Amino acid sequence: MKKLESSLTNMVLVLTGVAVVMGGILAFVNHLTEGPIAQQKEKTLADGIKAVMVCDDLVVTKTDTVKQNDAKGKELTYIIYQTQDKAGKDLGAAVESTTGGFGGDLKVLVGFDADGKILGYTLLEHAETPGLGAKADKWFQKGEKGDIIGKVPAEPLTVSKDGGQVDAITASTITSRAFLLAVNNAYNAYKVTPAADAETGASKQVSK
């Protein structure tokens, strides 16, 4: 019996030691990759802002965070990047907006001009079905079947199946509704945010 107790103790000690070593290795690897991952996310965002604002030479003058409740009372957070060109002209803003899609969260970055017209968009994150819902990255672009570029969502954009003016992605109505909701919400968040003001003292960031 004592021999059994000794074996169990040794097993526990060995397993504990392995867990500690593995935990240390994982923490070290995480520390090594944390910086590069953060830098890549920053670059992806910077490239995304330039793409949705349709301007390669711009400055992010101010970043605002807006919280609003959706129709179900859930609090949603939007990040608004106010932009100007190098001459100091207000270009509008790029807005991060997240909704629940068919497969998970759908995070969209939408560019609006000063009047609220959609300049462009890009998907930052999604978990939609490849070949179906994932088509949202192209489907609503200029010249495509669900083209929303140039529209002002003062009246919410909806799919034609719901009586709206936007063609849904084939076999992906849920994703299409989620995408348009994200765009509509982004517009609403943008319109309640004061335009960038050079006198606010907010630090300017050059989109690289």
C-alpha atoms as a PDB file:
ATOM      1  CA  MET A   1       0.000   0.000   0.000  1.00  0.00           C
ATOM      2  CA  LYS A   2       2.827   2.374   0.859  1.00  0.00           C
ATOM      3  CA  LYS A   3       4.434   1.588  -2.470  1.00  0.00           C
ATOM      4  CA  LEU A   4       1.186   2.604  -4.241  1.00  0.00           C
ATOM      5  CA  GLU A   5       1.023   5.872  -2.306  1.00  0.00           C
ATOM      6  CA  SER A   6       4.613   6.592  -3.250  1.00  0.00           C
ATOM      7  CA  SER A   7       3.896   5.950  -6.941  1.00  0.00           C
ATOM      8  CA  LEU A   8       0.860   8.251  -6.901  1.00  0.00           C
ATOM      9  CA  THR A   9       2.894  10.963  -5.217  1.00  0.00           C
ATOM     10  CA  ASN A  10       5.643  10.646  -7.790  1.00  0.00           C
ATOM     11  CA  MET A  11       3.112  10.795 -10.618  1.00  0.00           C
ATOM     12  CA  VAL A  12       1.539  13.936  -9.174  1.00  0.00           C
ATOM     13  CA  LEU A  13       4.946  15.555  -8.769  1.00  0.00           C
ATOM     14  CA  VAL A  14       5.964  14.667 -12.328  1.00  0.00           C
ATOM     15  CA  LEU A  15       2.702  15.922 -13.808  1.00  0.00           C
ATOM     16  CA  THR A  16       2.930  19.116 -11.776  1.00  0.00           C
ATOM     17  CA  GLY A  17       6.480  19.652 -12.954  1.00  0.00           C
ATOM     18  CA  VAL A  18       5.511  19.101 -16.595  1.00  0.00           C
ATOM     19  CA  ALA A  19       2.580  21.522 -16.233  1.00  0.00           C
ATOM     20  CA  VAL A  20       4.827  24.196 -14.738  1.00  0.00           C
ATOM     21  CA  VAL A  21       7.440  23.771 -17.492  1.00  0.00           C
ATOM     22  CA  MET A  22       4.827  23.837 -20.261  1.00  0.00           C
ATOM     23  CA  GLY A  23       3.181  26.875 -18.708  1.00  0.00           C
ATOM     24  CA  GLY A  24       6.508  28.668 -18.662  1.00  0.00           C
ATOM     25  CA  ILE A  25       7.193  27.778 -22.301  1.00  0.00           C
ATOM     26  CA  LEU A  26       3.747  28.981 -23.400  1.00  0.00           C
ATOM     27  CA  ALA A  27       4.154  32.236 -21.479  1.00  0.00           C
ATOM     28  CA  PHE A  28       7.563  32.797 -23.100  1.00  0.00           C
ATOM     29  CA  VAL A  29       6.236  32.084 -26.610  1.00  0.00           C
ATOM     30  CA  ASN A  30       3.268  34.375 -25.967  1.00  0.00           C
ATOM     31  CA  HIS A  31       5.646  37.127 -24.870  1.00  0.00           C
ATOM     32  CA  LEU A  32       7.726  36.708 -28.032  1.00  0.00           C
ATOM     33  CA  THR A  33       4.722  36.807 -30.387  1.00  0.00           C
ATOM     34  CA  GLU A  34       2.688  39.467 -28.576  1.00  0.00           C
ATOM     35  CA  GLY A  35       4.578  42.391 -30.105  1.00  0.00           C
ATOM     36  CA  PRO A  36       4.582  41.175 -33.746  1.00  0.00           C
ATOM     37  CA  ILE A  37       0.874  40.272 -33.543  1.00  0.00           C
ATOM     38  CA  ALA A  38       0.003  43.730 -32.198  1.00  0.00           C
ATOM     39  CA  GLN A  39       2.092  45.372 -34.938  1.00  0.00           C
ATOM     40  CA  GLN A  40       0.366  43.285 -37.611  1.00  0.00           C
ATOM     41  CA  LYS A  41      -3.066  44.268 -36.272  1.00  0.00           C
ATOM     42  CA  GLU A  42      -2.064  47.938 -36.317  1.00  0.00           C
ATOM     43  CA  LYS A  43      -0.849  47.636 -39.919  1.00  0.00           C
ATOM     44  CA  THR A  44      -4.038  45.818 -40.957  1.00  0.00           C
ATOM     45  CA  LEU A  45      -6.140  48.556 -39.367  1.00  0.00           C
ATOM     46  CA  ALA A  46      -4.067  51.368 -40.918  1.00  0.00           C
ATOM     47  CA  ASP A  47      -4.310  49.752 -44.362  1.00  0.00           C
ATOM     48  CA  GLY A  48      -8.033  49.230 -43.801  1.00  0.00           C
ATOM     49  CA  ILE A  49      -8.613  52.887 -42.942  1.00  0.00           C
ATOM     50  CA  LYS A  50      -6.848  54.019 -46.101  1.00  0.00           C
ATOM     51  CA  ALA A  51      -8.839  51.517 -48.164  1.00  0.00           C
ATOM     52  CA  VAL A  52     -12.288  52.443 -46.829  1.00  0.00           C
ATOM     53  CA  MET A  53     -11.572  56.184 -46.991  1.00  0.00           C
ATOM     54  CA  VAL A  54     -10.247  55.710 -50.547  1.00  0.00           C
ATOM     55  CA  CYS A  55      -7.170  57.796 -49.719  1.00  0.00           C
ATOM     56  CA  ASP A  56      -3.566  56.644 -49.412  1.00  0.00           C
ATOM     57  CA  ASP A  57      -2.306  59.892 -47.898  1.00  0.00           C
ATOM     58  CA  LEU A  58      -4.346  60.673 -44.802  1.00  0.00           C
ATOM     59  CA  VAL A  59      -3.990  61.424 -41.101  1.00  0.00           C
ATOM     60  CA  VAL A  60      -6.072  60.009 -38.261  1.00  0.00           C
ATOM     61  CA  THR A  61      -6.721  63.154 -36.245  1.00  0.00           C
ATOM     62  CA  LYS A  62      -8.860  61.707 -33.496  1.00  0.00           C
ATOM     63  CA  THR A  63     -10.136  58.360 -32.219  1.00  0.00           C
ATOM     64  CA  ASP A  64     -13.503  58.234 -30.471  1.00  0.00           C
ATOM     65  CA  THR A  65     -15.283  55.372 -28.736  1.00  0.00           C
ATOM     66  CA  VAL A  66     -19.074  55.409 -28.856  1.00  0.00           C
ATOM     67  CA  LYS A  67     -21.356  53.054 -26.932  1.00  0.00           C
ATOM     68  CA  GLN A  68     -24.963  52.538 -28.012  1.00  0.00           C
ATOM     69  CA  ASN A  69     -27.672  50.012 -27.186  1.00  0.00           C
ATOM     70  CA  ASP A  70     -29.130  47.891 -29.964  1.00  0.00           C
ATOM     71  CA  ALA A  71     -32.832  47.055 -30.383  1.00  0.00           C
ATOM     72  CA  LYS A  72     -32.499  44.292 -27.767  1.00  0.00           C
ATOM     73  CA  GLY A  73     -30.845  46.586 -25.234  1.00  0.00           C
ATOM     74  CA  LYS A  74     -27.359  45.087 -25.691  1.00  0.00           C
ATOM     75  CA  GLU A  75     -24.563  47.643 -25.409  1.00  0.00           C
ATOM     76  CA  LEU A  76     -22.380  47.817 -28.499  1.00  0.00           C
ATOM     77  CA  THR A  77     -19.063  49.637 -28.876  1.00  0.00           C
ATOM     78  CA  TYR A  78     -17.928  51.515 -31.977  1.00  0.00           C
ATOM     79  CA  ILE A  79     -14.489  52.981 -32.642  1.00  0.00           C
ATOM     80  CA  ILE A  80     -14.456  56.045 -34.873  1.00  0.00           C
ATOM     81  CA  TYR A  81     -11.297  57.228 -36.622  1.00  0.00           C
ATOM     82  CA  GLN A  82     -11.694  60.850 -37.737  1.00  0.00           C
ATOM     83  CA  THR A  83      -9.496  61.581 -40.762  1.00  0.00           C
ATOM     84  CA  GLN A  84      -8.061  64.475 -42.748  1.00  0.00           C
ATOM     85  CA  ASP A  85      -5.885  64.697 -45.817  1.00  0.00           C
ATOM     86  CA  LYS A  86      -2.405  66.209 -45.617  1.00  0.00           C
ATOM     87  CA  ALA A  87      -3.847  69.628 -46.462  1.00  0.00           C
ATOM     88  CA  GLY A  88      -6.040  69.502 -43.358  1.00  0.00           C
ATOM     89  CA  LYS A  89      -9.319  68.879 -45.182  1.00  0.00           C
ATOM     90  CA  ASP A  90     -11.853  66.764 -43.283  1.00  0.00           C
ATOM     91  CA  LEU A  91     -12.343  63.470 -45.141  1.00  0.00           C
ATOM     92  CA  GLY A  92     -14.910  61.953 -42.794  1.00  0.00           C
ATOM     93  CA  ALA A  93     -14.310  58.887 -40.636  1.00  0.00           C
ATOM     94  CA  ALA A  94     -13.723  55.151 -40.636  1.00  0.00           C
ATOM     95  CA  VAL A  95     -15.939  53.312 -38.142  1.00  0.00           C
ATOM     96  CA  GLU A  96     -15.451  49.861 -36.592  1.00  0.00           C
ATOM     97  CA  SER A  97     -18.764  48.084 -36.045  1.00  0.00           C
ATOM     98  CA  THR A  98     -19.448  44.518 -34.857  1.00  0.00           C
ATOM     99  CA  THR A  99     -22.613  42.408 -35.119  1.00  0.00           C
ATOM    100  CA  GLY A 100     -23.422  38.717 -34.828  1.00  0.00           C
ATOM    101  CA  GLY A 101     -23.304  36.903 -38.168  1.00  0.00           C
ATOM    102  CA  PHE A 102     -24.271  33.344 -39.082  1.00  0.00           C
ATOM    103  CA  GLY A 103     -21.058  31.806 -37.781  1.00  0.00           C
ATOM    104  CA  GLY A 104     -20.000  34.338 -35.130  1.00  0.00           C
ATOM    105  CA  ASP A 105     -19.013  37.972 -34.777  1.00  0.00           C
ATOM    106  CA  LEU A 106     -18.779  40.032 -37.946  1.00  0.00           C
ATOM    107  CA  LYS A 107     -16.500  43.078 -37.552  1.00  0.00           C
ATOM    108  CA  VAL A 108     -16.730  45.673 -40.314  1.00  0.00           C
ATOM    109  CA  LEU A 109     -14.750  48.862 -40.955  1.00  0.00           C
ATOM    110  CA  VAL A 110     -16.842  51.383 -42.907  1.00  0.00           C
ATOM    111  CA  GLY A 111     -15.649  54.683 -44.393  1.00  0.00           C
ATOM    112  CA  PHE A 112     -18.019  57.668 -44.475  1.00  0.00           C
ATOM    113  CA  ASP A 113     -17.470  61.107 -45.954  1.00  0.00           C
ATOM    114  CA  ALA A 114     -18.475  64.267 -44.070  1.00  0.00           C
ATOM    115  CA  ASP A 115     -22.073  63.915 -45.306  1.00  0.00           C
ATOM    116  CA  GLY A 116     -22.409  60.283 -44.242  1.00  0.00           C
ATOM    117  CA  LYS A 117     -22.009  58.765 -47.702  1.00  0.00           C
ATOM    118  CA  ILE A 118     -20.376  55.329 -47.728  1.00  0.00           C
ATOM    119  CA  LEU A 119     -16.931  55.537 -49.330  1.00  0.00           C
ATOM    120  CA  GLY A 120     -15.851  51.948 -48.806  1.00  0.00           C
ATOM    121  CA  TYR A 121     -15.735  49.047 -46.376  1.00  0.00           C
ATOM    122  CA  THR A 122     -13.646  46.059 -45.392  1.00  0.00           C
ATOM    123  CA  LEU A 123     -14.169  43.049 -43.144  1.00  0.00           C
ATOM    124  CA  LEU A 124     -11.768  43.036 -40.208  1.00  0.00           C
ATOM    125  CA  GLU A 125     -13.006  39.764 -38.686  1.00  0.00           C
ATOM    126  CA  HIS A 126     -15.612  37.161 -39.515  1.00  0.00           C
ATOM    127  CA  ALA A 127     -16.453  33.509 -38.961  1.00  0.00           C
ATOM    128  CA  GLU A 128     -18.811  33.066 -41.887  1.00  0.00           C
ATOM    129  CA  THR A 129     -19.030  29.987 -44.094  1.00  0.00           C
ATOM    130  CA  PRO A 130     -16.316  29.967 -46.798  1.00  0.00           C
ATOM    131  CA  GLY A 131     -17.846  30.428 -50.234  1.00  0.00           C
ATOM    132  CA  LEU A 132     -21.132  31.756 -48.833  1.00  0.00           C
ATOM    133  CA  GLY A 133     -21.217  34.319 -46.017  1.00  0.00           C
ATOM    134  CA  ALA A 134     -17.528  35.012 -46.491  1.00  0.00           C
ATOM    135  CA  LYS A 135     -18.450  36.608 -49.834  1.00  0.00           C
ATOM    136  CA  ALA A 136     -19.470  39.718 -47.881  1.00  0.00           C
ATOM    137  CA  ASP A 137     -15.963  41.107 -48.386  1.00  0.00           C
ATOM    138  CA  LYS A 138     -16.721  41.524 -52.118  1.00  0.00           C
ATOM    139  CA  TRP A 139     -20.494  41.303 -52.546  1.00  0.00           C
ATOM    140  CA  PHE A 140     -21.332  44.838 -51.361  1.00  0.00           C
ATOM    141  CA  GLN A 141     -18.408  46.589 -53.058  1.00  0.00           C
ATOM    142  CA  LYS A 142     -18.800  49.106 -55.886  1.00  0.00           C
ATOM    143  CA  GLY A 143     -20.103  47.526 -59.072  1.00  0.00           C
ATOM    144  CA  GLU A 144     -21.046  44.236 -57.389  1.00  0.00           C
ATOM    145  CA  LYS A 145     -24.574  42.801 -56.990  1.00  0.00           C
ATOM    146  CA  GLY A 146     -25.126  44.222 -53.504  1.00  0.00           C
ATOM    147  CA  ASP A 147     -23.304  47.535 -54.123  1.00  0.00           C
ATOM    148  CA  ILE A 148     -23.746  49.925 -51.165  1.00  0.00           C
ATOM    149  CA  ILE A 149     -20.957  52.358 -52.061  1.00  0.00           C
ATOM    150  CA  GLY A 150     -22.233  55.921 -52.365  1.00  0.00           C
ATOM    151  CA  LYS A 151     -25.349  55.268 -50.295  1.00  0.00           C
ATOM    152  CA  VAL A 152     -26.225  57.270 -47.161  1.00  0.00           C
ATOM    153  CA  PRO A 153     -27.840  54.989 -44.536  1.00  0.00           C
ATOM    154  CA  ALA A 154     -30.029  57.764 -43.107  1.00  0.00           C
ATOM    155  CA  GLU A 155     -32.783  55.261 -43.871  1.00  0.00           C
ATOM    156  CA  PRO A 156     -31.417  51.859 -42.760  1.00  0.00           C
ATOM    157  CA  LEU A 157     -30.082  49.664 -45.540  1.00  0.00           C
ATOM    158  CA  THR A 158     -31.959  46.352 -45.740  1.00  0.00           C
ATOM    159  CA  VAL A 159     -31.997  43.363 -48.065  1.00  0.00           C
ATOM    160  CA  SER A 160     -34.593  43.152 -50.830  1.00  0.00           C
ATOM    161  CA  LYS A 161     -36.193  40.130 -49.144  1.00  0.00           C
ATOM    162  CA  ASP A 162     -37.116  42.470 -46.289  1.00  0.00           C
ATOM    163  CA  GLY A 163     -38.426  45.150 -48.641  1.00  0.00           C
ATOM    164  CA  GLY A 164     -35.086  46.943 -48.925  1.00  0.00           C
ATOM    165  CA  GLN A 165     -32.904  47.982 -51.827  1.00  0.00           C
ATOM    166  CA  VAL A 166     -29.852  45.743 -51.366  1.00  0.00           C
ATOM    167  CA  ASP A 167     -29.498  42.295 -52.957  1.00  0.00           C
ATOM    168  CA  ALA A 168     -28.537  39.701 -50.342  1.00  0.00           C
ATOM    169  CA  ILE A 169     -25.655  37.298 -50.843  1.00  0.00           C
ATOM    170  CA  THR A 170     -27.004  34.171 -52.530  1.00  0.00           C
ATOM    171  CA  ALA A 171     -27.973  31.601 -49.848  1.00  0.00           C
ATOM    172  CA  SER A 172     -26.609  33.876 -47.101  1.00  0.00           C
ATOM    173  CA  THR A 173     -29.455  36.165 -46.077  1.00  0.00           C
ATOM    174  CA  ILE A 174     -28.504  36.000 -42.382  1.00  0.00           C
ATOM    175  CA  THR A 175     -24.956  37.176 -43.095  1.00  0.00           C
ATOM    176  CA  SER A 176     -26.278  39.909 -45.404  1.00  0.00           C
ATOM    177  CA  ARG A 177     -28.646  41.182 -42.716  1.00  0.00           C
ATOM    178  CA  ALA A 178     -25.852  41.139 -40.142  1.00  0.00           C
ATOM    179  CA  PHE A 179     -23.511  43.011 -42.473  1.00  0.00           C
ATOM    180  CA  LEU A 180     -26.045  45.732 -43.293  1.00  0.00           C
ATOM    181  CA  LEU A 181     -26.915  46.070 -39.601  1.00  0.00           C
ATOM    182  CA  ALA A 182     -23.224  46.638 -38.857  1.00  0.00           C
ATOM    183  CA  VAL A 183     -23.109  49.330 -41.568  1.00  0.00           C
ATOM    184  CA  ASN A 184     -26.302  51.007 -40.334  1.00  0.00           C
ATOM    185  CA  ASN A 185     -25.030  50.971 -36.751  1.00  0.00           C
ATOM    186  CA  ALA A 186     -21.689  52.400 -37.865  1.00  0.00           C
ATOM    187  CA  TYR A 187     -23.495  55.279 -39.579  1.00  0.00           C
ATOM    188  CA  ASN A 188     -25.601  56.003 -36.479  1.00  0.00           C
ATOM    189  CA  ALA A 189     -22.503  56.023 -34.268  1.00  0.00           C
ATOM    190  CA  TYR A 190     -20.684  58.320 -36.710  1.00  0.00           C
ATOM    191  CA  LYS A 191     -23.518  60.844 -36.882  1.00  0.00           C
ATOM    192  CA  VAL A 192     -23.591  61.325 -33.093  1.00  0.00           C
ATOM    193  CA  THR A 193     -19.838  61.964 -32.969  1.00  0.00           C
ATOM    194  CA  PRO A 194     -18.558  65.549 -33.404  1.00  0.00           C
ATOM    195  CA  ALA A 195     -16.367  66.037 -36.460  1.00  0.00           C
ATOM    196  CA  ALA A 196     -12.612  66.165 -35.924  1.00  0.00           C
ATOM    197  CA  ASP A 197     -11.515  69.529 -34.502  1.00  0.00           C
ATOM    198  CA  ALA A 198      -7.921  70.695 -34.796  1.00  0.00           C
ATOM    199  CA  GLU A 199      -8.331  72.559 -31.484  1.00  0.00           C
ATOM    200  CA  THR A 200      -9.241  69.491 -29.418  1.00  0.00           C
ATOM    201  CA  GLY A 201      -5.643  68.724 -28.609  1.00  0.00           C
ATOM    202  CA  ALA A 202      -6.056  65.123 -29.691  1.00  0.00           C
ATOM    203  CA  SER A 203      -2.797  63.654 -30.918  1.00  0.00           C
ATOM    204  CA  LYS A 204      -2.595  63.093 -34.657  1.00  0.00           C
ATOM    205  CA  GLN A 205      -1.582  59.721 -36.020  1.00  0.00           C
ATOM    206  CA  VAL A 206      -0.372  59.172 -39.543  1.00  0.00           C
ATOM    207  CA  SER A 207      -1.895  56.086 -41.125  1.00  0.00           C
ATOM    208  CA  LYS A 208       1.073  54.094 -42.344  1.00  0.00           C
END
